[in-house]
Protein backbone atom coordinates (compact mmCIF):
# COMPACT_ATOMS: atom_id res chain seq x y z
CA MET A 1 69.24 108.10 123.91
CA ALA A 2 72.13 106.92 121.71
CA ARG A 3 75.31 108.97 121.58
CA LEU A 4 75.23 111.45 118.68
CA PHE A 5 78.85 110.92 117.63
CA GLY A 6 80.02 107.59 116.22
CA THR A 7 83.59 106.48 115.44
CA ASP A 8 83.72 108.88 112.49
CA GLY A 9 81.66 111.89 113.49
CA VAL A 10 77.90 112.29 113.15
CA ARG A 11 76.35 110.23 110.40
CA GLY A 12 72.88 109.32 109.17
CA SER A 13 70.34 109.47 106.38
CA ALA A 14 70.46 113.02 104.98
CA GLY A 15 67.24 114.94 105.58
CA LYS A 16 65.87 112.26 107.86
CA GLU A 17 68.37 111.62 110.66
CA LEU A 18 70.97 114.17 109.65
CA THR A 19 68.79 117.23 109.11
CA ALA A 20 69.59 120.86 108.37
CA ARG A 21 68.34 121.74 111.87
CA LEU A 22 70.71 119.24 113.45
CA ALA A 23 73.60 120.58 111.37
CA LEU A 24 72.80 124.16 112.42
CA ASP A 25 72.71 123.24 116.12
CA LEU A 26 75.85 121.11 115.78
CA GLY A 27 77.70 123.95 114.05
CA ALA A 28 76.78 126.40 116.79
CA ALA A 29 77.72 124.01 119.60
CA ALA A 30 81.00 122.99 117.97
CA ALA A 31 81.97 126.62 117.42
CA GLU A 32 81.22 127.39 121.07
CA VAL A 33 83.35 124.50 122.36
CA LEU A 34 86.22 124.57 119.87
CA THR A 35 86.83 128.31 119.81
CA GLU A 36 86.80 129.01 123.55
CA THR A 37 90.60 129.40 123.46
CA ALA A 38 90.19 132.27 121.00
CA SER A 39 88.00 134.31 123.37
CA GLY A 40 89.45 137.67 124.19
CA SER A 41 91.36 137.82 120.92
CA ALA A 42 90.76 140.70 118.54
CA LYS A 43 90.39 138.14 115.77
CA LYS A 44 87.21 136.13 115.47
CA PRO A 45 87.68 132.35 115.52
CA LEU A 46 87.83 130.75 112.06
CA VAL A 47 86.26 127.41 111.10
CA ILE A 48 86.90 125.91 107.65
CA ILE A 49 84.32 123.66 105.99
CA GLY A 50 84.83 121.12 103.22
CA LYS A 51 82.38 118.71 101.60
CA ASP A 52 82.19 115.70 99.32
CA THR A 53 80.02 115.43 96.20
CA ARG A 54 76.71 114.23 97.70
CA ILE A 55 73.60 116.14 96.73
CA SER A 56 72.87 116.80 100.42
CA SER A 57 76.28 118.31 101.15
CA ASP A 58 75.22 121.81 100.02
CA MET A 59 72.25 121.79 102.38
CA LEU A 60 74.37 120.72 105.34
CA GLU A 61 77.17 123.12 104.44
CA ASN A 62 74.83 126.11 104.58
CA ALA A 63 73.22 124.98 107.82
CA LEU A 64 76.59 124.38 109.49
CA ALA A 65 77.87 127.78 108.35
CA ALA A 66 74.79 129.50 109.76
CA GLY A 67 75.19 127.75 113.10
CA ILE A 68 78.90 128.54 113.33
CA CYS A 69 78.33 132.22 112.49
CA SER A 70 75.54 132.45 115.06
CA ALA A 71 78.10 131.42 117.70
CA GLY A 72 80.43 134.24 116.68
CA ALA A 73 82.97 132.42 114.51
CA ASP A 74 83.88 133.17 110.91
CA VAL A 75 83.54 130.47 108.24
CA LEU A 76 85.75 129.74 105.25
CA LEU A 77 84.09 127.46 102.69
CA LEU A 78 86.57 125.24 100.83
CA GLY A 79 84.02 123.63 98.51
CA THR A 80 84.44 120.02 97.37
CA ILE A 81 87.68 118.70 98.83
CA PRO A 82 89.00 115.47 100.45
CA THR A 83 88.70 114.98 104.20
CA PRO A 84 92.49 114.90 104.76
CA ALA A 85 92.77 118.22 102.92
CA VAL A 86 90.52 119.83 105.53
CA ALA A 87 92.69 118.39 108.31
CA TYR A 88 95.87 119.69 106.64
CA LEU A 89 94.50 123.13 105.77
CA ILE A 90 93.49 123.92 109.36
CA GLY A 91 97.14 124.58 110.12
CA GLU A 92 98.00 126.01 106.72
CA LEU A 93 95.19 128.58 106.89
CA GLY A 94 95.47 129.33 110.61
CA ALA A 95 91.98 128.03 111.42
CA ASP A 96 90.70 127.16 114.88
CA ALA A 97 88.76 124.12 113.68
CA GLY A 98 87.66 122.30 110.56
CA VAL A 99 84.51 120.46 109.49
CA MET A 100 84.13 117.90 106.71
CA ILE A 101 80.70 116.98 105.33
CA SER A 102 80.87 113.40 104.10
CA ALA A 103 79.64 109.88 104.77
CA SER A 104 82.86 108.45 103.36
CA HIS A 105 82.13 105.11 101.63
CA ASN A 106 78.37 105.13 102.32
CA PRO A 107 75.75 105.50 99.53
CA PHE A 108 74.78 109.02 98.43
CA GLY A 109 71.62 109.12 100.56
CA ASP A 110 73.69 109.12 103.75
CA ASN A 111 75.87 111.97 104.91
CA GLY A 112 78.05 112.85 107.86
CA ILE A 113 79.81 115.63 109.72
CA LYS A 114 83.40 115.12 110.85
CA ILE A 115 85.00 117.73 113.08
CA PHE A 116 88.70 118.42 113.52
CA GLY A 117 90.37 120.49 116.23
CA SER A 118 93.01 123.16 115.76
CA ASP A 119 95.68 120.42 115.66
CA GLY A 120 94.10 118.86 112.56
CA CYS A 121 93.07 115.73 114.46
CA LYS A 122 89.62 114.24 114.92
CA LEU A 123 88.12 115.14 118.27
CA PRO A 124 88.54 112.91 121.33
CA ASP A 125 85.39 111.47 122.90
CA GLU A 126 85.37 113.96 125.76
CA VAL A 127 85.29 116.98 123.42
CA GLU A 128 82.51 115.40 121.36
CA ASP A 129 80.58 114.88 124.59
CA MET A 130 81.01 118.57 125.44
CA ILE A 131 79.62 119.54 122.03
CA GLU A 132 76.66 117.23 122.49
CA ALA A 133 76.01 118.71 125.94
CA HIS A 134 76.03 122.22 124.45
CA MET A 135 73.47 121.12 121.87
CA LYS A 136 71.14 119.89 124.60
CA SER A 137 71.53 122.90 126.89
CA GLY A 138 71.34 125.57 124.18
CA PHE A 139 73.22 128.86 124.06
CA ALA A 140 72.71 132.57 123.52
CA PRO A 141 73.40 133.46 119.87
CA ARG A 142 75.66 136.42 119.11
CA THR A 143 74.27 139.76 117.98
CA GLY A 144 75.52 142.86 116.21
CA ASN A 145 79.09 142.83 114.97
CA THR A 146 79.90 139.71 117.00
CA ILE A 147 78.08 137.52 114.44
CA GLY A 148 80.47 135.59 112.20
CA CYS A 149 80.92 136.06 108.46
CA VAL A 150 81.22 133.57 105.58
CA ARG A 151 83.66 133.64 102.70
CA SER A 152 84.89 131.08 100.17
CA ASP A 153 88.29 129.87 98.98
CA ALA A 154 88.05 127.32 96.18
CA ASN A 155 91.81 127.53 95.57
CA ALA A 156 92.97 126.27 98.96
CA LEU A 157 92.94 122.70 97.64
CA HIS A 158 96.02 123.54 95.53
CA LEU A 159 97.99 124.04 98.76
CA TYR A 160 96.99 120.50 99.75
CA VAL A 161 98.00 119.01 96.39
CA ARG A 162 101.39 120.70 96.59
CA HIS A 163 101.81 119.23 100.07
CA LEU A 164 101.12 115.73 98.75
CA ARG A 165 103.70 116.17 96.00
CA ARG A 166 106.31 117.17 98.56
CA CYS A 167 105.60 113.93 100.42
CA ALA A 168 106.45 111.76 97.38
CA GLN A 169 109.80 109.98 97.44
CA ASN A 170 110.16 109.57 93.68
CA ASP A 171 108.39 110.54 90.45
CA LEU A 172 106.63 107.16 89.87
CA ALA A 173 108.43 106.80 86.51
CA GLY A 174 107.70 103.67 84.53
CA LEU A 175 104.26 102.95 85.96
CA ARG A 176 100.94 102.72 84.15
CA VAL A 177 98.30 103.49 86.76
CA LEU A 178 94.49 103.48 86.70
CA VAL A 179 92.91 105.66 89.40
CA ASP A 180 89.30 105.31 90.61
CA CYS A 181 88.00 108.48 92.32
CA ALA A 182 84.65 106.96 93.43
CA ASN A 183 82.87 109.99 91.89
CA GLY A 184 83.81 111.67 95.13
CA ALA A 185 86.13 114.31 96.53
CA ALA A 186 89.26 112.89 94.88
CA SER A 187 87.72 113.94 91.55
CA VAL A 188 88.81 117.54 92.23
CA THR A 189 92.41 116.75 93.23
CA SER A 190 93.59 113.59 91.48
CA HIS A 191 94.15 115.10 88.03
CA GLU A 192 96.36 117.88 89.39
CA LEU A 193 98.15 115.50 91.75
CA PHE A 194 99.04 112.77 89.26
CA ASP A 195 99.85 115.22 86.47
CA GLY A 196 102.83 116.17 88.62
CA PHE A 197 104.49 112.76 88.20
CA ARG A 198 106.11 110.94 85.31
CA ALA A 199 103.77 107.95 85.56
CA GLU A 200 101.20 107.28 82.85
CA VAL A 201 97.92 107.76 84.70
CA ASP A 202 94.31 107.35 83.60
CA ILE A 203 91.43 108.33 85.86
CA ILE A 204 87.91 106.91 86.09
CA ALA A 205 84.80 107.61 88.22
CA ASP A 206 85.69 111.32 88.29
CA LYS A 207 82.35 112.72 87.07
CA PRO A 208 80.26 113.27 90.20
CA ASN A 209 76.62 114.28 89.76
CA GLY A 210 75.43 114.32 93.37
CA VAL A 211 74.03 110.80 93.43
CA ASN A 212 76.74 108.56 91.89
CA ILE A 213 79.32 108.80 94.68
CA ASN A 214 80.54 105.26 95.57
CA GLN A 215 78.04 103.82 93.09
CA ASP A 216 79.67 100.69 91.62
CA CYS A 217 83.06 102.36 91.99
CA GLY A 218 85.67 103.32 94.54
CA SER A 219 87.32 101.32 97.30
CA THR A 220 84.13 99.49 98.31
CA HIS A 221 83.27 98.41 94.74
CA LEU A 222 86.51 97.35 93.09
CA GLU A 223 85.05 95.09 90.40
CA ARG A 224 85.16 97.61 87.56
CA LEU A 225 88.67 98.77 88.43
CA GLN A 226 89.89 95.17 88.62
CA ARG A 227 88.42 94.39 85.21
CA LEU A 228 89.84 97.52 83.57
CA VAL A 229 93.32 97.13 85.08
CA VAL A 230 93.64 93.63 83.64
CA ALA A 231 92.02 94.44 80.28
CA GLY A 232 94.08 97.61 79.84
CA GLY A 233 97.42 96.09 80.80
CA TYR A 234 97.99 98.52 83.67
CA ASP A 235 100.73 97.90 86.22
CA VAL A 236 98.45 98.79 89.10
CA GLY A 237 95.14 100.38 90.05
CA VAL A 238 94.30 102.54 93.07
CA ALA A 239 90.83 103.27 94.41
CA PHE A 240 89.66 105.94 96.85
CA ASP A 241 86.39 106.24 98.73
CA GLY A 242 83.94 109.14 98.66
CA ASP A 243 86.00 111.53 100.78
CA ALA A 244 89.41 110.13 99.73
CA ASP A 245 90.62 109.23 103.20
CA ARG A 246 91.13 105.59 102.29
CA CYS A 247 92.88 103.77 99.47
CA LEU A 248 92.97 100.20 98.22
CA VAL A 249 95.23 98.81 95.48
CA VAL A 250 94.58 96.40 92.61
CA THR A 251 97.50 94.40 91.19
CA GLU A 252 98.15 93.90 87.48
CA LYS A 253 96.40 90.53 87.87
CA GLY A 254 93.28 92.15 89.33
CA ASP A 255 93.82 91.03 92.92
CA THR A 256 93.05 93.32 95.86
CA VAL A 257 95.81 94.70 98.08
CA ASP A 258 94.10 95.80 101.29
CA GLY A 259 95.23 98.20 103.99
CA ASP A 260 96.99 95.47 105.97
CA HIS A 261 99.16 94.58 103.00
CA ILE A 262 99.88 98.18 102.06
CA MET A 263 100.95 98.90 105.65
CA ALA A 264 103.15 95.83 105.74
CA ILE A 265 104.85 96.59 102.41
CA VAL A 266 105.39 100.28 103.16
CA GLY A 267 106.30 99.62 106.79
CA ARG A 268 109.06 97.17 105.86
CA GLU A 269 110.53 99.72 103.44
CA MET A 270 110.36 102.47 106.08
CA LYS A 271 112.16 100.17 108.51
CA ARG A 272 114.85 99.50 105.90
CA ARG A 273 115.34 103.25 105.45
CA GLY A 274 115.35 103.88 109.18
CA THR A 275 112.25 106.09 109.08
CA LEU A 276 109.79 103.78 110.87
CA LYS A 277 109.73 104.99 114.44
CA LYS A 278 110.42 102.23 116.97
CA ASP A 279 110.03 99.74 114.06
CA THR A 280 106.33 99.71 114.93
CA ILE A 281 103.03 99.75 113.04
CA VAL A 282 99.70 100.46 114.74
CA ALA A 283 96.97 98.22 113.28
CA THR A 284 93.46 97.30 114.49
CA VAL A 285 91.72 94.23 115.83
CA MET A 286 90.51 93.57 112.26
CA SER A 287 94.03 93.06 110.88
CA ASN A 288 94.57 89.63 109.37
CA LEU A 289 96.71 86.96 110.99
CA GLY A 290 98.84 86.96 107.84
CA PHE A 291 99.75 90.60 108.47
CA HIS A 292 100.90 89.79 112.01
CA ARG A 293 103.03 86.86 110.81
CA TYR A 294 104.64 88.95 108.05
CA ALA A 295 105.40 91.70 110.56
CA LYS A 296 107.06 89.27 112.96
CA THR A 297 109.14 87.70 110.19
CA ASN A 298 110.38 91.12 109.09
CA GLY A 299 111.17 92.49 112.54
CA LEU A 300 108.15 94.80 112.69
CA ASN A 301 106.35 95.37 115.98
CA VAL A 302 102.55 95.65 115.91
CA ILE A 303 100.35 97.58 118.33
CA THR A 304 96.63 96.79 118.09
CA ALA A 305 93.98 99.51 118.43
CA SER A 306 90.19 99.52 118.28
CA VAL A 307 88.55 99.88 114.87
CA GLY A 308 88.49 103.48 113.63
CA ASP A 309 91.38 105.60 112.41
CA ARG A 310 90.85 108.02 115.31
CA TYR A 311 91.74 105.19 117.72
CA VAL A 312 94.72 104.22 115.59
CA LEU A 313 95.90 107.83 115.78
CA GLU A 314 95.47 107.91 119.56
CA GLU A 315 97.77 104.88 119.90
CA MET A 316 100.27 106.39 117.48
CA LYS A 317 100.47 109.66 119.38
CA LYS A 318 100.61 107.92 122.75
CA GLY A 319 103.48 105.64 121.72
CA GLY A 320 105.37 107.98 119.39
CA TYR A 321 104.76 105.92 116.23
CA ASN A 322 104.46 107.27 112.69
CA LEU A 323 102.67 104.55 110.68
CA GLY A 324 99.29 103.03 111.36
CA GLY A 325 96.02 102.14 109.73
CA GLU A 326 93.18 99.80 109.02
CA GLN A 327 92.53 96.88 106.73
CA SER A 328 89.86 99.00 105.00
CA GLY A 329 92.53 101.32 103.60
CA HIS A 330 92.67 104.15 106.17
CA LEU A 331 96.42 104.66 106.56
CA ILE A 332 98.01 107.39 108.66
CA PHE A 333 101.51 108.64 107.87
CA LEU A 334 101.92 110.83 110.93
CA ASP A 335 105.06 112.57 109.67
CA ASP A 336 102.96 113.97 106.80
CA ALA A 337 99.31 113.96 107.91
CA THR A 338 97.09 113.95 111.00
CA THR A 339 94.41 111.65 109.60
CA GLY A 340 93.92 108.85 107.08
CA ASP A 341 94.76 110.04 103.56
CA GLY A 342 94.00 107.89 100.52
CA GLN A 343 95.97 109.94 97.99
CA LEU A 344 99.00 110.15 100.28
CA THR A 345 98.81 106.37 100.72
CA ALA A 346 98.64 105.94 96.95
CA ILE A 347 101.77 107.96 96.20
CA LYS A 348 103.69 106.26 99.04
CA TYR A 349 102.79 102.82 97.71
CA LEU A 350 103.28 103.73 94.04
CA GLY A 351 106.66 105.26 94.83
CA LEU A 352 107.78 102.05 96.47
CA LEU A 353 106.44 99.98 93.56
CA SER A 354 108.21 102.18 91.03
CA ALA A 355 111.51 101.99 92.90
CA SER A 356 111.29 98.20 93.28
CA GLY A 357 111.11 97.59 89.55
CA GLY A 358 108.86 94.63 90.32
CA LYS A 359 105.18 93.90 89.97
CA ALA A 360 102.41 94.70 92.41
CA SER A 361 101.43 91.03 92.55
CA GLU A 362 104.99 90.07 93.53
CA LEU A 363 105.02 92.51 96.44
CA ASP A 364 101.62 91.32 97.60
CA ALA A 365 102.52 87.63 97.34
CA GLU A 366 105.04 88.04 100.15
CA ILE A 367 102.19 88.36 102.66
CA ALA A 368 99.95 85.40 103.44
CA HIS A 369 96.24 86.03 103.87
CA PHE A 370 94.31 83.70 106.14
CA PRO A 371 90.62 83.12 105.37
CA GLN A 372 88.62 85.96 106.88
CA LEU A 373 84.93 86.71 106.44
CA LEU A 374 83.02 89.83 107.41
CA LYS A 375 79.22 89.98 107.36
CA ASN A 376 76.88 92.77 108.40
CA VAL A 377 73.55 92.37 110.16
CA ARG A 378 71.25 95.39 109.99
CA VAL A 379 69.84 96.41 113.37
CA PRO A 380 68.41 99.64 114.82
CA ASN A 381 71.07 102.11 115.99
CA GLU A 382 69.53 102.36 119.45
CA ILE A 383 70.12 98.68 120.31
CA LYS A 384 73.23 97.74 118.33
CA HIS A 385 75.56 98.30 121.30
CA THR A 386 73.62 95.93 123.58
CA LEU A 387 73.22 92.81 121.43
CA THR A 388 76.50 91.09 122.32
CA GLY A 389 75.42 91.12 125.97
CA LEU A 390 72.38 88.91 125.30
CA PRO A 391 72.76 85.29 126.53
CA GLN A 392 71.80 83.73 123.19
CA ILE A 393 74.33 85.86 121.30
CA LYS A 394 77.08 85.13 123.83
CA ARG A 395 76.34 81.43 123.43
CA ALA A 396 76.48 81.64 119.63
CA ILE A 397 79.83 83.45 119.78
CA ASP A 398 81.28 80.82 122.15
CA GLU A 399 80.10 78.05 119.83
CA ALA A 400 81.62 79.80 116.81
CA GLU A 401 84.97 80.15 118.60
CA ALA A 402 84.94 76.41 119.30
CA MET A 403 84.34 75.73 115.59
CA LEU A 404 87.30 77.93 114.60
CA ASP A 405 89.70 75.98 116.86
CA GLY A 406 92.51 78.50 117.17
CA GLY A 407 90.99 81.09 114.86
CA ARG A 408 89.09 84.10 116.13
CA ILE A 409 85.75 85.86 116.00
CA LEU A 410 84.97 89.54 116.45
CA VAL A 411 81.42 90.86 116.84
CA ARG A 412 81.09 94.62 117.11
CA PRO A 413 78.57 97.39 116.38
CA SER A 414 79.40 99.65 113.47
CA GLY A 415 80.41 103.13 114.52
CA THR A 416 78.90 104.70 111.41
CA GLU A 417 75.90 102.61 110.32
CA PRO A 418 72.94 100.71 111.91
CA LEU A 419 74.82 97.42 111.66
CA VAL A 420 76.49 94.76 113.76
CA ARG A 421 79.60 93.41 112.05
CA VAL A 422 80.58 89.76 112.43
CA MET A 423 84.15 88.84 111.49
CA THR A 424 85.55 85.31 111.60
CA GLU A 425 89.10 84.26 110.79
CA GLY A 426 90.67 80.81 110.70
CA PHE A 427 92.61 78.25 108.73
CA ASP A 428 90.08 77.02 106.18
CA GLU A 429 87.32 78.88 104.34
CA GLU A 430 84.54 76.40 105.02
CA THR A 431 84.93 76.56 108.81
CA VAL A 432 85.29 80.34 108.75
CA GLU A 433 82.04 80.68 106.79
CA ARG A 434 80.18 78.19 108.98
CA ALA A 435 81.23 79.99 112.17
CA CYS A 436 80.26 83.38 110.76
CA GLU A 437 76.85 82.18 109.59
CA HIS A 438 76.21 80.66 113.02
CA VAL A 439 76.48 84.06 114.73
CA VAL A 440 74.74 85.96 111.92
CA ARG A 441 71.79 83.58 112.15
CA ALA A 442 71.56 84.09 115.92
CA LEU A 443 71.46 87.85 115.43
CA GLU A 444 68.85 87.63 112.69
CA GLU A 445 66.62 85.39 114.80
CA LEU A 446 66.30 88.13 117.42
CA GLU A 447 63.75 89.80 115.09
CA VAL A 448 64.72 93.30 116.20
CA LYS A 449 64.42 94.97 112.80
């Protein structure tokens, strides 16, 4: 049986794989494991729950709350709110744990459950394994006055917005910015956040209806934002994903600035100010060769982690670093947050752009980008972790590496979807595409769908 938790919590098709029953059992098990330290206290453990704008989030919220209460913990419902807000508010509200209901950048039909410990960080593998073991073994539900209670606090998000404003290093004066909220959780915070600065800000994709989250908008669908930034004469555009834990940037010319480039630009400025700990950035195996060369040229050290912001965070905490992230736009500013935060990333980048007096395209042009191609092959979840061990796939990967001649190939199962991701990187686009297609074709010929 496949492991329940992926690289970003539990995720699946809402109502089919991720059911209300599963959410109830998961809530009960998580409450049992995460609130053990509160046993013996006169105060019941408290778990906060946030959600994105998917139509299925209400169903899962209620099931989770019921499960948590049945294990003897109280629940505080935060309503629609970004994932990093849940992580921040655990400490601010004195909670023992936090849960976010979201499938991030996935289509509306998917959903997910992300769990944070009392430190505001995503759970390590061993704690997730304990929760899964509790789900399998079952437990005795509480009775009488030991059952937990549920209450709501729709105003807690204002504490988070005020925190973000305190993290800004200037007022963004002089910028015209277009913000894409992906019809997701950023829709409830972005207006209040950007109204607090002197920039001229317009906001799009901020009318969620339960089914339009990430639909032709947000950080995974930048085309509309790119078109509108150029047509409207904006200085820059920023795009979030469904739960606002990632951010990508669009220059005034409509070009994409990915997480690698944002990290490099912000990291160099932090080094100049003396605030980048050990002059080091933690990136992932997906980071482009151009990022590594820019870092070396500018005296920045790079530590490489596995894909997933939880693994980036582990490396950051282990080495005492304060900046890390992924090419996809998950950036962690550990002095200000315990997880990836798209809106925090946006104000850090926009503050730097405002202070520079230059253009977004000029900042981005300083970093070379070597041809890199990423393709997804859909496979069943239960076999995706075994495919790279098959002789014919190993052979195809070796042949692709020979084609790339000094470039690289990375084949890995997705931690959140039933996919195997094939990434090739090299020195010319034609070879990179040919090498990628070679491995993709080998995977498709397995006929495992």
